[in-house]
Amino acid sequence: MPKKTFFNLPESKRNSIIESAMDEFAKAPYQDISINHLIKSIEIPTGSFYQYFEDKKDLYFYIISFYLDDELREAQENGRKINLLEPEGNKDTERVIPESTRNMKYYQEVLVDHFNRAPIEIKRDWTFDHLIGGKYMGLYDYSFLDENPLHDDIKEHKDLVMGIALALPNVIHRFCCNDEEKEWELYILCMNILRQGLLHYKRS
């Protein structure tokens, strides 16, 4: 999250920094963008950059959040959420991502293409530090957990269960060597195992 000094800037200055950062993160995956080039493109002194952000990752995650805030707003307004526990319905992103979000500048490049090519540790940090347990959990459909006759332990810890579902892609990626077809196949397998386990769980 940017520092207080960033939010104290005039809105026009904040927007200029956001726009310039989006331009840069749209050009290449996270690991291919040098911090020096990024700061130069934003057109602020290096000292000022570190007054506004902890580091490159801090700015990158803020840009991702900038996109997801709009998606979360639409999910809350329209009840259109991502059902992780029904993965077959999520392969086509156009069915689960609001059109206004997909039409945002560089959405495909920043949030889809280049995020998918980012280092596993960056995707892991985003998942565990900014997603699981945070406000963006409101993007996900809990109907499987709410509507099925599941054990009370599961219902009590349903955010944790959803967090496991969110973490699965990062785990699976380790086994697939960038083979997207194999990743999808293993993702479906693991999600089906998770669903069946939830349905049949009994405290021993």
N, C-alpha and C. Protein backbone atom coordinates (compact mmCIF):
# COMPACT_ATOMS: atom_id res chain seq x y z
N MET A 1 0.85 -1.19 0.00
CA MET A 1 0.00 0.00 0.00
C MET A 1 0.89 1.24 0.00
N PRO A 2 0.62 2.21 -0.88
CA PRO A 2 1.42 3.44 -0.89
C PRO A 2 1.42 4.13 0.47
N LYS A 3 2.43 4.93 0.67
CA LYS A 3 2.55 5.65 1.94
C LYS A 3 1.60 6.85 1.96
N LYS A 4 1.42 7.41 3.15
CA LYS A 4 0.51 8.54 3.33
C LYS A 4 0.91 9.72 2.45
N THR A 5 2.21 9.89 2.23
CA THR A 5 2.67 11.02 1.41
C THR A 5 2.12 10.93 -0.02
N PHE A 6 1.93 9.71 -0.52
CA PHE A 6 1.36 9.57 -1.86
C PHE A 6 -0.08 10.07 -1.88
N PHE A 7 -0.86 9.68 -0.88
CA PHE A 7 -2.27 10.07 -0.85
C PHE A 7 -2.46 11.55 -0.51
N ASN A 8 -1.40 12.17 0.01
CA ASN A 8 -1.47 13.61 0.28
C ASN A 8 -1.17 14.45 -0.96
N LEU A 9 -0.72 13.79 -2.04
CA LEU A 9 -0.45 14.52 -3.28
C LEU A 9 -1.76 15.02 -3.89
N PRO A 10 -1.70 16.07 -4.69
CA PRO A 10 -2.90 16.49 -5.44
C PRO A 10 -3.39 15.34 -6.33
N GLU A 11 -4.67 15.28 -6.54
CA GLU A 11 -5.24 14.19 -7.33
C GLU A 11 -4.63 14.09 -8.71
N SER A 12 -4.36 15.23 -9.33
CA SER A 12 -3.79 15.22 -10.68
C SER A 12 -2.42 14.56 -10.68
N LYS A 13 -1.63 14.80 -9.62
CA LYS A 13 -0.30 14.20 -9.53
C LYS A 13 -0.40 12.70 -9.29
N ARG A 14 -1.31 12.28 -8.41
CA ARG A 14 -1.51 10.85 -8.17
C ARG A 14 -1.93 10.15 -9.45
N ASN A 15 -2.85 10.76 -10.16
CA ASN A 15 -3.34 10.14 -11.41
C ASN A 15 -2.23 10.04 -12.44
N SER A 16 -1.36 11.05 -12.49
CA SER A 16 -0.24 11.02 -13.43
C SER A 16 0.71 9.86 -13.12
N ILE A 17 0.98 9.64 -11.85
CA ILE A 17 1.86 8.54 -11.43
C ILE A 17 1.22 7.21 -11.77
N ILE A 18 -0.07 7.08 -11.49
CA ILE A 18 -0.79 5.83 -11.79
C ILE A 18 -0.77 5.54 -13.29
N GLU A 19 -1.08 6.56 -14.08
CA GLU A 19 -1.12 6.38 -15.53
C GLU A 19 0.25 5.97 -16.07
N SER A 20 1.30 6.63 -15.60
CA SER A 20 2.64 6.31 -16.08
C SER A 20 3.05 4.91 -15.66
N ALA A 21 2.70 4.52 -14.44
CA ALA A 21 3.04 3.18 -13.96
C ALA A 21 2.28 2.12 -14.76
N MET A 22 1.02 2.38 -15.05
CA MET A 22 0.24 1.45 -15.87
C MET A 22 0.87 1.29 -17.24
N ASP A 23 1.32 2.40 -17.82
CA ASP A 23 1.98 2.34 -19.12
C ASP A 23 3.19 1.41 -19.09
N GLU A 24 3.96 1.50 -18.02
CA GLU A 24 5.18 0.70 -17.92
C GLU A 24 4.87 -0.77 -17.65
N PHE A 25 3.98 -1.05 -16.72
CA PHE A 25 3.66 -2.44 -16.39
C PHE A 25 2.90 -3.13 -17.52
N ALA A 26 2.38 -2.35 -18.46
CA ALA A 26 1.73 -2.94 -19.64
C ALA A 26 2.74 -3.40 -20.68
N LYS A 27 3.97 -2.93 -20.57
CA LYS A 27 4.97 -3.22 -21.60
C LYS A 27 5.66 -4.56 -21.41
N ALA A 28 5.77 -5.02 -20.17
CA ALA A 28 6.54 -6.24 -19.89
C ALA A 28 6.16 -6.80 -18.54
N PRO A 29 6.46 -8.06 -18.29
CA PRO A 29 6.21 -8.63 -16.96
C PRO A 29 7.01 -7.90 -15.89
N TYR A 30 6.58 -8.05 -14.67
CA TYR A 30 7.17 -7.36 -13.52
C TYR A 30 8.69 -7.46 -13.50
N GLN A 31 9.22 -8.66 -13.68
CA GLN A 31 10.65 -8.90 -13.53
C GLN A 31 11.49 -8.24 -14.61
N ASP A 32 10.87 -7.85 -15.71
CA ASP A 32 11.61 -7.26 -16.83
C ASP A 32 11.63 -5.73 -16.79
N ILE A 33 11.04 -5.15 -15.76
CA ILE A 33 10.98 -3.69 -15.64
C ILE A 33 11.93 -3.26 -14.53
N SER A 34 12.95 -2.51 -14.86
CA SER A 34 13.91 -2.06 -13.85
C SER A 34 13.30 -0.92 -13.04
N ILE A 35 13.67 -0.87 -11.78
CA ILE A 35 13.15 0.19 -10.91
C ILE A 35 13.62 1.56 -11.40
N ASN A 36 14.86 1.65 -11.89
CA ASN A 36 15.37 2.94 -12.36
C ASN A 36 14.60 3.43 -13.58
N HIS A 37 14.32 2.51 -14.51
CA HIS A 37 13.54 2.90 -15.69
C HIS A 37 12.13 3.30 -15.30
N LEU A 38 11.56 2.58 -14.35
CA LEU A 38 10.20 2.88 -13.90
C LEU A 38 10.12 4.27 -13.29
N ILE A 39 11.07 4.59 -12.43
CA ILE A 39 11.07 5.91 -11.78
C ILE A 39 11.26 7.02 -12.82
N LYS A 40 12.15 6.77 -13.79
CA LYS A 40 12.38 7.76 -14.85
C LYS A 40 11.11 7.98 -15.66
N SER A 41 10.38 6.92 -15.94
CA SER A 41 9.16 7.03 -16.74
C SER A 41 8.06 7.77 -15.98
N ILE A 42 8.03 7.60 -14.69
CA ILE A 42 7.03 8.30 -13.87
C ILE A 42 7.35 9.78 -13.76
N GLU A 43 8.63 10.10 -13.99
CA GLU A 43 9.11 11.50 -13.98
C GLU A 43 9.02 12.12 -12.60
N ILE A 44 9.55 11.38 -11.63
CA ILE A 44 9.70 11.93 -10.28
C ILE A 44 11.11 11.57 -9.80
N PRO A 45 11.67 12.35 -8.87
CA PRO A 45 12.98 12.01 -8.33
C PRO A 45 12.95 10.67 -7.59
N THR A 46 14.09 10.01 -7.56
CA THR A 46 14.18 8.72 -6.86
C THR A 46 13.78 8.87 -5.39
N GLY A 47 14.22 9.94 -4.76
CA GLY A 47 13.86 10.17 -3.36
C GLY A 47 12.36 10.29 -3.16
N SER A 48 11.71 10.94 -4.09
CA SER A 48 10.25 11.09 -3.99
C SER A 48 9.56 9.75 -4.15
N PHE A 49 10.07 8.92 -5.07
CA PHE A 49 9.46 7.59 -5.26
C PHE A 49 9.42 6.83 -3.95
N TYR A 50 10.53 6.84 -3.22
CA TYR A 50 10.58 6.09 -1.97
C TYR A 50 9.86 6.78 -0.82
N GLN A 51 9.47 8.04 -1.02
CA GLN A 51 8.57 8.68 -0.07
C GLN A 51 7.13 8.24 -0.29
N TYR A 52 6.84 7.82 -1.54
CA TYR A 52 5.47 7.43 -1.89
C TYR A 52 5.25 5.92 -1.78
N PHE A 53 6.28 5.13 -2.10
CA PHE A 53 6.15 3.67 -2.14
C PHE A 53 7.34 3.01 -1.46
N GLU A 54 7.10 1.80 -0.94
CA GLU A 54 8.20 1.06 -0.33
C GLU A 54 9.21 0.62 -1.37
N ASP A 55 8.73 0.16 -2.50
CA ASP A 55 9.60 -0.37 -3.55
C ASP A 55 8.77 -0.60 -4.81
N LYS A 56 9.36 -1.23 -5.81
CA LYS A 56 8.65 -1.50 -7.06
C LYS A 56 7.44 -2.39 -6.83
N LYS A 57 7.59 -3.40 -5.98
CA LYS A 57 6.48 -4.33 -5.72
C LYS A 57 5.30 -3.60 -5.09
N ASP A 58 5.57 -2.66 -4.22
CA ASP A 58 4.50 -1.88 -3.58
C ASP A 58 3.68 -1.14 -4.63
N LEU A 59 4.36 -0.51 -5.58
CA LEU A 59 3.66 0.20 -6.65
C LEU A 59 2.91 -0.79 -7.54
N TYR A 60 3.53 -1.90 -7.88
CA TYR A 60 2.91 -2.91 -8.74
C TYR A 60 1.62 -3.43 -8.13
N PHE A 61 1.66 -3.75 -6.85
CA PHE A 61 0.47 -4.27 -6.20
C PHE A 61 -0.62 -3.19 -6.10
N TYR A 62 -0.20 -1.94 -5.97
CA TYR A 62 -1.20 -0.86 -5.95
C TYR A 62 -1.88 -0.74 -7.30
N ILE A 63 -1.13 -0.90 -8.39
CA ILE A 63 -1.72 -0.84 -9.72
C ILE A 63 -2.71 -1.99 -9.91
N ILE A 64 -2.35 -3.19 -9.46
CA ILE A 64 -3.28 -4.31 -9.53
C ILE A 64 -4.55 -4.00 -8.74
N SER A 65 -4.38 -3.44 -7.56
CA SER A 65 -5.54 -3.08 -6.73
C SER A 65 -6.42 -2.04 -7.43
N PHE A 66 -5.78 -1.15 -8.16
CA PHE A 66 -6.52 -0.10 -8.87
C PHE A 66 -7.53 -0.72 -9.84
N TYR A 67 -7.11 -1.80 -10.50
CA TYR A 67 -8.03 -2.51 -11.40
C TYR A 67 -9.09 -3.26 -10.60
N LEU A 68 -8.68 -3.95 -9.56
CA LEU A 68 -9.60 -4.81 -8.83
C LEU A 68 -10.64 -4.04 -8.02
N ASP A 69 -10.32 -2.81 -7.64
CA ASP A 69 -11.31 -2.00 -6.91
C ASP A 69 -12.58 -1.82 -7.73
N ASP A 70 -12.40 -1.57 -9.05
CA ASP A 70 -13.56 -1.39 -9.92
C ASP A 70 -14.31 -2.71 -10.07
N GLU A 71 -13.55 -3.80 -10.18
CA GLU A 71 -14.19 -5.11 -10.31
C GLU A 71 -14.97 -5.45 -9.05
N LEU A 72 -14.41 -5.14 -7.88
CA LEU A 72 -15.09 -5.41 -6.61
C LEU A 72 -16.37 -4.59 -6.49
N ARG A 73 -16.29 -3.34 -6.91
CA ARG A 73 -17.49 -2.49 -6.85
C ARG A 73 -18.62 -3.09 -7.68
N GLU A 74 -18.29 -3.54 -8.89
CA GLU A 74 -19.33 -4.13 -9.74
C GLU A 74 -19.84 -5.45 -9.17
N ALA A 75 -18.95 -6.22 -8.59
CA ALA A 75 -19.37 -7.49 -7.99
C ALA A 75 -20.36 -7.24 -6.86
N GLN A 76 -20.11 -6.20 -6.07
CA GLN A 76 -21.00 -5.87 -4.95
C GLN A 76 -22.33 -5.31 -5.45
N GLU A 77 -22.28 -4.53 -6.52
CA GLU A 77 -23.50 -3.91 -7.03
C GLU A 77 -24.38 -4.90 -7.79
N ASN A 78 -23.75 -5.79 -8.55
CA ASN A 78 -24.49 -6.67 -9.46
C ASN A 78 -24.53 -8.13 -9.04
N GLY A 79 -23.82 -8.46 -7.96
CA GLY A 79 -23.81 -9.84 -7.51
C GLY A 79 -23.14 -10.79 -8.49
N ARG A 80 -22.26 -10.27 -9.34
CA ARG A 80 -21.57 -11.09 -10.34
C ARG A 80 -20.20 -11.45 -9.81
N LYS A 81 -20.07 -12.67 -9.29
CA LYS A 81 -18.85 -13.06 -8.61
C LYS A 81 -18.22 -14.28 -9.26
N ILE A 82 -16.95 -14.50 -8.93
CA ILE A 82 -16.20 -15.62 -9.49
C ILE A 82 -16.41 -16.84 -8.61
N ASN A 83 -16.90 -17.90 -9.20
CA ASN A 83 -17.16 -19.13 -8.45
C ASN A 83 -15.96 -20.07 -8.60
N LEU A 84 -15.00 -19.93 -7.70
CA LEU A 84 -13.78 -20.73 -7.77
C LEU A 84 -14.07 -22.22 -7.66
N LEU A 85 -15.10 -22.57 -6.91
CA LEU A 85 -15.40 -23.98 -6.67
C LEU A 85 -16.20 -24.60 -7.81
N GLU A 86 -16.46 -23.82 -8.85
CA GLU A 86 -17.03 -24.34 -10.10
C GLU A 86 -16.08 -23.93 -11.22
N PRO A 87 -14.86 -24.45 -11.24
CA PRO A 87 -13.80 -23.92 -12.11
C PRO A 87 -14.08 -24.00 -13.59
N GLU A 88 -14.87 -24.97 -14.04
CA GLU A 88 -15.14 -25.08 -15.48
C GLU A 88 -15.81 -23.83 -16.02
N GLY A 89 -16.55 -23.15 -15.17
CA GLY A 89 -17.25 -21.95 -15.60
C GLY A 89 -16.39 -20.71 -15.62
N ASN A 90 -15.12 -20.83 -15.17
CA ASN A 90 -14.26 -19.66 -15.05
C ASN A 90 -13.16 -19.59 -16.10
N LYS A 91 -13.07 -20.59 -16.97
CA LYS A 91 -11.98 -20.57 -17.94
C LYS A 91 -12.13 -19.41 -18.92
N ASP A 92 -13.35 -19.10 -19.27
CA ASP A 92 -13.63 -17.96 -20.14
C ASP A 92 -13.79 -16.73 -19.26
N THR A 93 -12.74 -15.88 -19.20
CA THR A 93 -12.77 -14.74 -18.28
C THR A 93 -13.89 -13.77 -18.60
N GLU A 94 -14.37 -13.75 -19.84
CA GLU A 94 -15.43 -12.81 -20.18
C GLU A 94 -16.72 -13.13 -19.44
N ARG A 95 -16.83 -14.36 -18.93
CA ARG A 95 -18.05 -14.72 -18.21
C ARG A 95 -18.01 -14.26 -16.76
N VAL A 96 -16.81 -13.99 -16.23
CA VAL A 96 -16.70 -13.69 -14.82
C VAL A 96 -16.13 -12.30 -14.51
N ILE A 97 -15.48 -11.66 -15.48
CA ILE A 97 -14.90 -10.34 -15.26
C ILE A 97 -15.82 -9.29 -15.89
N PRO A 98 -16.26 -8.29 -15.11
CA PRO A 98 -17.15 -7.26 -15.65
C PRO A 98 -16.56 -6.57 -16.88
N GLU A 99 -17.43 -6.23 -17.82
CA GLU A 99 -16.97 -5.61 -19.06
C GLU A 99 -16.24 -4.31 -18.80
N SER A 100 -16.73 -3.52 -17.84
CA SER A 100 -16.08 -2.23 -17.57
C SER A 100 -14.65 -2.43 -17.10
N THR A 101 -14.39 -3.50 -16.36
CA THR A 101 -13.03 -3.78 -15.91
C THR A 101 -12.17 -4.21 -17.09
N ARG A 102 -12.70 -5.10 -17.93
CA ARG A 102 -11.94 -5.58 -19.09
C ARG A 102 -11.64 -4.45 -20.06
N ASN A 103 -12.45 -3.39 -20.02
CA ASN A 103 -12.25 -2.26 -20.93
C ASN A 103 -11.31 -1.20 -20.35
N MET A 104 -10.88 -1.38 -19.10
CA MET A 104 -9.94 -0.43 -18.52
C MET A 104 -8.62 -0.48 -19.28
N LYS A 105 -7.96 0.63 -19.34
CA LYS A 105 -6.69 0.73 -20.06
C LYS A 105 -5.70 -0.32 -19.58
N TYR A 106 -5.18 -1.10 -20.51
CA TYR A 106 -4.15 -2.11 -20.26
C TYR A 106 -4.60 -3.24 -19.34
N TYR A 107 -5.89 -3.43 -19.17
CA TYR A 107 -6.35 -4.51 -18.30
C TYR A 107 -5.75 -5.85 -18.71
N GLN A 108 -5.87 -6.19 -19.99
CA GLN A 108 -5.39 -7.50 -20.46
C GLN A 108 -3.89 -7.65 -20.25
N GLU A 109 -3.14 -6.60 -20.56
CA GLU A 109 -1.69 -6.68 -20.45
C GLU A 109 -1.23 -6.77 -19.00
N VAL A 110 -1.73 -5.86 -18.17
CA VAL A 110 -1.23 -5.77 -16.79
C VAL A 110 -1.77 -6.90 -15.92
N LEU A 111 -3.08 -7.09 -15.94
CA LEU A 111 -3.70 -7.98 -14.97
C LEU A 111 -3.80 -9.42 -15.44
N VAL A 112 -3.64 -9.65 -16.72
CA VAL A 112 -3.77 -11.02 -17.23
C VAL A 112 -2.44 -11.50 -17.80
N ASP A 113 -2.03 -10.95 -18.94
CA ASP A 113 -0.85 -11.47 -19.64
C ASP A 113 0.42 -11.39 -18.79
N HIS A 114 0.73 -10.19 -18.30
CA HIS A 114 2.00 -10.01 -17.61
C HIS A 114 1.96 -10.51 -16.18
N PHE A 115 0.80 -10.45 -15.54
CA PHE A 115 0.72 -11.02 -14.19
C PHE A 115 0.93 -12.53 -14.25
N ASN A 116 0.38 -13.17 -15.26
CA ASN A 116 0.56 -14.61 -15.41
C ASN A 116 2.01 -14.99 -15.64
N ARG A 117 2.79 -14.06 -16.19
CA ARG A 117 4.21 -14.32 -16.48
C ARG A 117 5.13 -13.81 -15.38
N ALA A 118 4.56 -13.22 -14.34
CA ALA A 118 5.37 -12.70 -13.23
C ALA A 118 5.98 -13.85 -12.44
N PRO A 119 7.05 -13.60 -11.71
CA PRO A 119 7.67 -14.65 -10.89
C PRO A 119 6.66 -15.23 -9.90
N ILE A 120 6.82 -16.51 -9.61
CA ILE A 120 5.89 -17.19 -8.72
C ILE A 120 5.84 -16.52 -7.35
N GLU A 121 6.98 -15.97 -6.89
CA GLU A 121 6.98 -15.34 -5.57
C GLU A 121 6.14 -14.06 -5.56
N ILE A 122 6.07 -13.36 -6.69
CA ILE A 122 5.24 -12.16 -6.76
C ILE A 122 3.77 -12.56 -6.72
N LYS A 123 3.38 -13.57 -7.48
CA LYS A 123 1.99 -14.03 -7.45
C LYS A 123 1.64 -14.60 -6.09
N ARG A 124 2.60 -15.28 -5.46
CA ARG A 124 2.36 -15.82 -4.12
C ARG A 124 2.14 -14.69 -3.11
N ASP A 125 3.02 -13.67 -3.16
CA ASP A 125 2.90 -12.56 -2.21
C ASP A 125 1.58 -11.82 -2.41
N TRP A 126 1.18 -11.62 -3.68
CA TRP A 126 -0.10 -10.97 -3.92
C TRP A 126 -1.24 -11.80 -3.33
N THR A 127 -1.22 -13.10 -3.58
CA THR A 127 -2.30 -13.97 -3.11
C THR A 127 -2.39 -13.97 -1.60
N PHE A 128 -1.27 -14.12 -0.93
CA PHE A 128 -1.30 -14.30 0.52
C PHE A 128 -1.31 -12.98 1.29
N ASP A 129 -0.70 -11.94 0.75
CA ASP A 129 -0.60 -10.68 1.49
C ASP A 129 -1.70 -9.68 1.15
N HIS A 130 -2.29 -9.78 -0.05
CA HIS A 130 -3.25 -8.77 -0.48
C HIS A 130 -4.62 -9.33 -0.83
N LEU A 131 -4.72 -10.62 -0.98
CA LEU A 131 -5.99 -11.19 -1.43
C LEU A 131 -6.68 -11.98 -0.33
N ILE A 132 -6.07 -13.07 0.09
CA ILE A 132 -6.71 -13.94 1.08
C ILE A 132 -6.94 -13.18 2.39
N GLY A 133 -8.17 -13.18 2.83
CA GLY A 133 -8.53 -12.52 4.08
C GLY A 133 -8.80 -11.04 3.94
N GLY A 134 -8.60 -10.48 2.75
CA GLY A 134 -8.79 -9.05 2.55
C GLY A 134 -10.11 -8.74 1.86
N LYS A 135 -10.26 -7.46 1.47
CA LYS A 135 -11.53 -7.01 0.91
C LYS A 135 -11.86 -7.68 -0.41
N TYR A 136 -10.81 -8.12 -1.15
CA TYR A 136 -11.07 -8.71 -2.46
C TYR A 136 -11.67 -10.11 -2.38
N MET A 137 -11.78 -10.65 -1.17
CA MET A 137 -12.50 -11.92 -1.03
C MET A 137 -13.96 -11.73 -1.43
N GLY A 138 -14.42 -10.47 -1.45
CA GLY A 138 -15.78 -10.17 -1.88
C GLY A 138 -16.00 -10.39 -3.36
N LEU A 139 -14.93 -10.70 -4.10
CA LEU A 139 -15.06 -11.00 -5.53
C LEU A 139 -15.55 -12.43 -5.77
N TYR A 140 -15.53 -13.26 -4.73
CA TYR A 140 -15.74 -14.69 -4.93
C TYR A 140 -17.10 -15.16 -4.42
N ASP A 141 -17.62 -16.13 -5.13
CA ASP A 141 -18.94 -16.69 -4.88
C ASP A 141 -18.82 -17.82 -3.85
N TYR A 142 -19.49 -17.67 -2.73
CA TYR A 142 -19.44 -18.65 -1.64
C TYR A 142 -20.63 -19.60 -1.66
N SER A 143 -21.40 -19.60 -2.74
CA SER A 143 -22.66 -20.35 -2.73
C SER A 143 -22.46 -21.85 -2.49
N PHE A 144 -21.38 -22.43 -3.02
CA PHE A 144 -21.13 -23.85 -2.78
C PHE A 144 -21.00 -24.13 -1.29
N LEU A 145 -20.33 -23.23 -0.58
CA LEU A 145 -20.12 -23.41 0.85
C LEU A 145 -21.37 -23.08 1.66
N ASP A 146 -22.19 -22.18 1.15
CA ASP A 146 -23.39 -21.76 1.88
C ASP A 146 -24.58 -22.67 1.63
N GLU A 147 -24.67 -23.24 0.44
CA GLU A 147 -25.89 -23.95 0.05
C GLU A 147 -25.82 -25.46 0.24
N ASN A 148 -24.61 -26.03 0.30
CA ASN A 148 -24.49 -27.48 0.48
C ASN A 148 -24.50 -27.84 1.97
N PRO A 149 -24.95 -29.04 2.29
CA PRO A 149 -24.97 -29.48 3.71
C PRO A 149 -23.57 -29.88 4.17
N LEU A 150 -22.75 -28.90 4.45
CA LEU A 150 -21.37 -29.14 4.85
C LEU A 150 -21.24 -29.12 6.37
N HIS A 151 -20.18 -29.72 6.85
CA HIS A 151 -19.91 -29.75 8.28
C HIS A 151 -19.76 -28.32 8.81
N ASP A 152 -20.18 -28.09 10.04
CA ASP A 152 -20.11 -26.76 10.64
C ASP A 152 -18.69 -26.22 10.68
N ASP A 153 -17.70 -27.11 10.82
CA ASP A 153 -16.30 -26.65 10.83
C ASP A 153 -15.95 -25.94 9.53
N ILE A 154 -16.46 -26.46 8.42
CA ILE A 154 -16.18 -25.86 7.11
C ILE A 154 -16.86 -24.50 6.99
N LYS A 155 -18.11 -24.44 7.40
CA LYS A 155 -18.83 -23.17 7.30
C LYS A 155 -18.20 -22.10 8.20
N GLU A 156 -17.69 -22.53 9.34
CA GLU A 156 -17.05 -21.58 10.25
C GLU A 156 -15.77 -21.01 9.66
N HIS A 157 -15.08 -21.81 8.86
CA HIS A 157 -13.79 -21.38 8.31
C HIS A 157 -13.84 -21.28 6.78
N LYS A 158 -14.95 -20.79 6.25
CA LYS A 158 -15.10 -20.80 4.80
C LYS A 158 -14.14 -19.84 4.10
N ASP A 159 -13.69 -18.77 4.77
CA ASP A 159 -12.68 -17.89 4.16
C ASP A 159 -11.37 -18.65 3.98
N LEU A 160 -11.04 -19.50 4.94
CA LEU A 160 -9.84 -20.31 4.83
C LEU A 160 -9.96 -21.30 3.67
N VAL A 161 -11.12 -21.91 3.53
CA VAL A 161 -11.35 -22.84 2.42
C VAL A 161 -11.20 -22.11 1.09
N MET A 162 -11.76 -20.92 0.99
CA MET A 162 -11.64 -20.16 -0.25
C MET A 162 -10.18 -19.75 -0.47
N GLY A 163 -9.47 -19.47 0.60
CA GLY A 163 -8.05 -19.16 0.48
C GLY A 163 -7.26 -20.33 -0.09
N ILE A 164 -7.61 -21.56 0.31
CA ILE A 164 -6.95 -22.74 -0.24
C ILE A 164 -7.21 -22.82 -1.75
N ALA A 165 -8.44 -22.56 -2.14
CA ALA A 165 -8.78 -22.59 -3.57
C ALA A 165 -7.99 -21.53 -4.33
N LEU A 166 -7.81 -20.36 -3.73
CA LEU A 166 -7.05 -19.29 -4.38
C LEU A 166 -5.57 -19.62 -4.49
N ALA A 167 -5.05 -20.34 -3.51
CA ALA A 167 -3.63 -20.66 -3.48
C ALA A 167 -3.26 -21.80 -4.44
N LEU A 168 -4.23 -22.61 -4.83
CA LEU A 168 -3.94 -23.78 -5.65
C LEU A 168 -3.17 -23.46 -6.95
N PRO A 169 -3.55 -22.44 -7.71
CA PRO A 169 -2.81 -22.18 -8.95
C PRO A 169 -1.32 -21.95 -8.73
N ASN A 170 -0.95 -21.27 -7.61
CA ASN A 170 0.46 -21.05 -7.34
C ASN A 170 1.19 -22.35 -7.05
N VAL A 171 0.51 -23.26 -6.35
CA VAL A 171 1.11 -24.56 -6.05
C VAL A 171 1.25 -25.38 -7.33
N ILE A 172 0.18 -25.41 -8.12
CA ILE A 172 0.18 -26.22 -9.35
C ILE A 172 1.24 -25.73 -10.33
N HIS A 173 1.44 -24.41 -10.38
CA HIS A 173 2.41 -23.84 -11.31
C HIS A 173 3.81 -24.44 -11.13
N ARG A 174 4.12 -24.80 -9.89
CA ARG A 174 5.42 -25.38 -9.58
C ARG A 174 5.66 -26.71 -10.30
N PHE A 175 4.58 -27.39 -10.66
CA PHE A 175 4.70 -28.73 -11.23
C PHE A 175 4.59 -28.76 -12.75
N CYS A 176 4.36 -27.60 -13.37
CA CYS A 176 3.96 -27.64 -14.77
C CYS A 176 4.93 -27.01 -15.76
N CYS A 177 5.96 -26.34 -15.30
CA CYS A 177 6.97 -25.78 -16.21
C CYS A 177 6.33 -24.94 -17.33
N ASN A 178 5.40 -24.07 -16.96
CA ASN A 178 4.75 -23.17 -17.91
C ASN A 178 3.94 -23.88 -18.98
N ASP A 179 3.49 -25.08 -18.70
CA ASP A 179 2.60 -25.81 -19.60
C ASP A 179 1.16 -25.46 -19.20
N GLU A 180 0.57 -24.47 -19.90
CA GLU A 180 -0.74 -23.96 -19.49
C GLU A 180 -1.83 -25.02 -19.56
N GLU A 181 -1.77 -25.88 -20.57
CA GLU A 181 -2.78 -26.93 -20.70
C GLU A 181 -2.71 -27.90 -19.52
N LYS A 182 -1.49 -28.26 -19.14
CA LYS A 182 -1.31 -29.16 -18.00
C LYS A 182 -1.74 -28.49 -16.71
N GLU A 183 -1.44 -27.20 -16.57
CA GLU A 183 -1.85 -26.46 -15.37
C GLU A 183 -3.37 -26.49 -15.22
N TRP A 184 -4.07 -26.23 -16.33
CA TRP A 184 -5.53 -26.22 -16.27
C TRP A 184 -6.07 -27.60 -15.91
N GLU A 185 -5.47 -28.64 -16.47
CA GLU A 185 -5.90 -30.01 -16.20
C GLU A 185 -5.72 -30.34 -14.70
N LEU A 186 -4.57 -29.98 -14.16
CA LEU A 186 -4.32 -30.25 -12.74
C LEU A 186 -5.19 -29.38 -11.84
N TYR A 187 -5.46 -28.16 -12.28
CA TYR A 187 -6.33 -27.27 -11.51
C TYR A 187 -7.73 -27.88 -11.37
N ILE A 188 -8.28 -28.37 -12.46
CA ILE A 188 -9.60 -29.00 -12.42
C ILE A 188 -9.56 -30.23 -11.50
N LEU A 189 -8.51 -31.03 -11.62
CA LEU A 189 -8.38 -32.22 -10.77
C LEU A 189 -8.37 -31.83 -9.29
N CYS A 190 -7.53 -30.87 -8.93
CA CYS A 190 -7.42 -30.47 -7.52
C CYS A 190 -8.70 -29.85 -7.00
N MET A 191 -9.38 -29.04 -7.83
CA MET A 191 -10.62 -28.42 -7.39
C MET A 191 -11.71 -29.48 -7.18
N ASN A 192 -11.74 -30.48 -8.04
CA ASN A 192 -12.72 -31.56 -7.86
C ASN A 192 -12.44 -32.36 -6.60
N ILE A 193 -11.16 -32.59 -6.31
CA ILE A 193 -10.79 -33.27 -5.07
C ILE A 193 -11.22 -32.44 -3.86
N LEU A 194 -10.96 -31.13 -3.94
CA LEU A 194 -11.35 -30.24 -2.84
C LEU A 194 -12.86 -30.25 -2.63
N ARG A 195 -13.62 -30.14 -3.70
CA ARG A 195 -15.08 -30.15 -3.60
C ARG A 195 -15.59 -31.45 -2.97
N GLN A 196 -15.08 -32.58 -3.45
CA GLN A 196 -15.52 -33.86 -2.90
C GLN A 196 -15.13 -34.01 -1.44
N GLY A 197 -13.94 -33.51 -1.12
CA GLY A 197 -13.52 -33.56 0.28
C GLY A 197 -14.41 -32.72 1.18
N LEU A 198 -14.82 -31.55 0.71
CA LEU A 198 -15.71 -30.70 1.49
C LEU A 198 -17.07 -31.35 1.69
N LEU A 199 -17.56 -31.99 0.65
CA LEU A 199 -18.89 -32.62 0.73
C LEU A 199 -18.91 -33.82 1.67
N HIS A 200 -17.79 -34.52 1.78
CA HIS A 200 -17.79 -35.77 2.55
C HIS A 200 -17.03 -35.65 3.87
N TYR A 201 -16.58 -34.46 4.21
CA TYR A 201 -15.80 -34.30 5.45
C TYR A 201 -16.66 -34.57 6.68
N LYS A 202 -16.08 -35.35 7.60
CA LYS A 202 -16.67 -35.58 8.92
C LYS A 202 -15.54 -35.50 9.93
N ARG A 203 -15.80 -34.87 11.04
CA ARG A 203 -14.77 -34.77 12.07
C ARG A 203 -14.49 -36.16 12.64
N SER A 204 -13.23 -36.55 12.66
CA SER A 204 -12.87 -37.90 13.15
C SER A 204 -12.77 -37.92 14.67
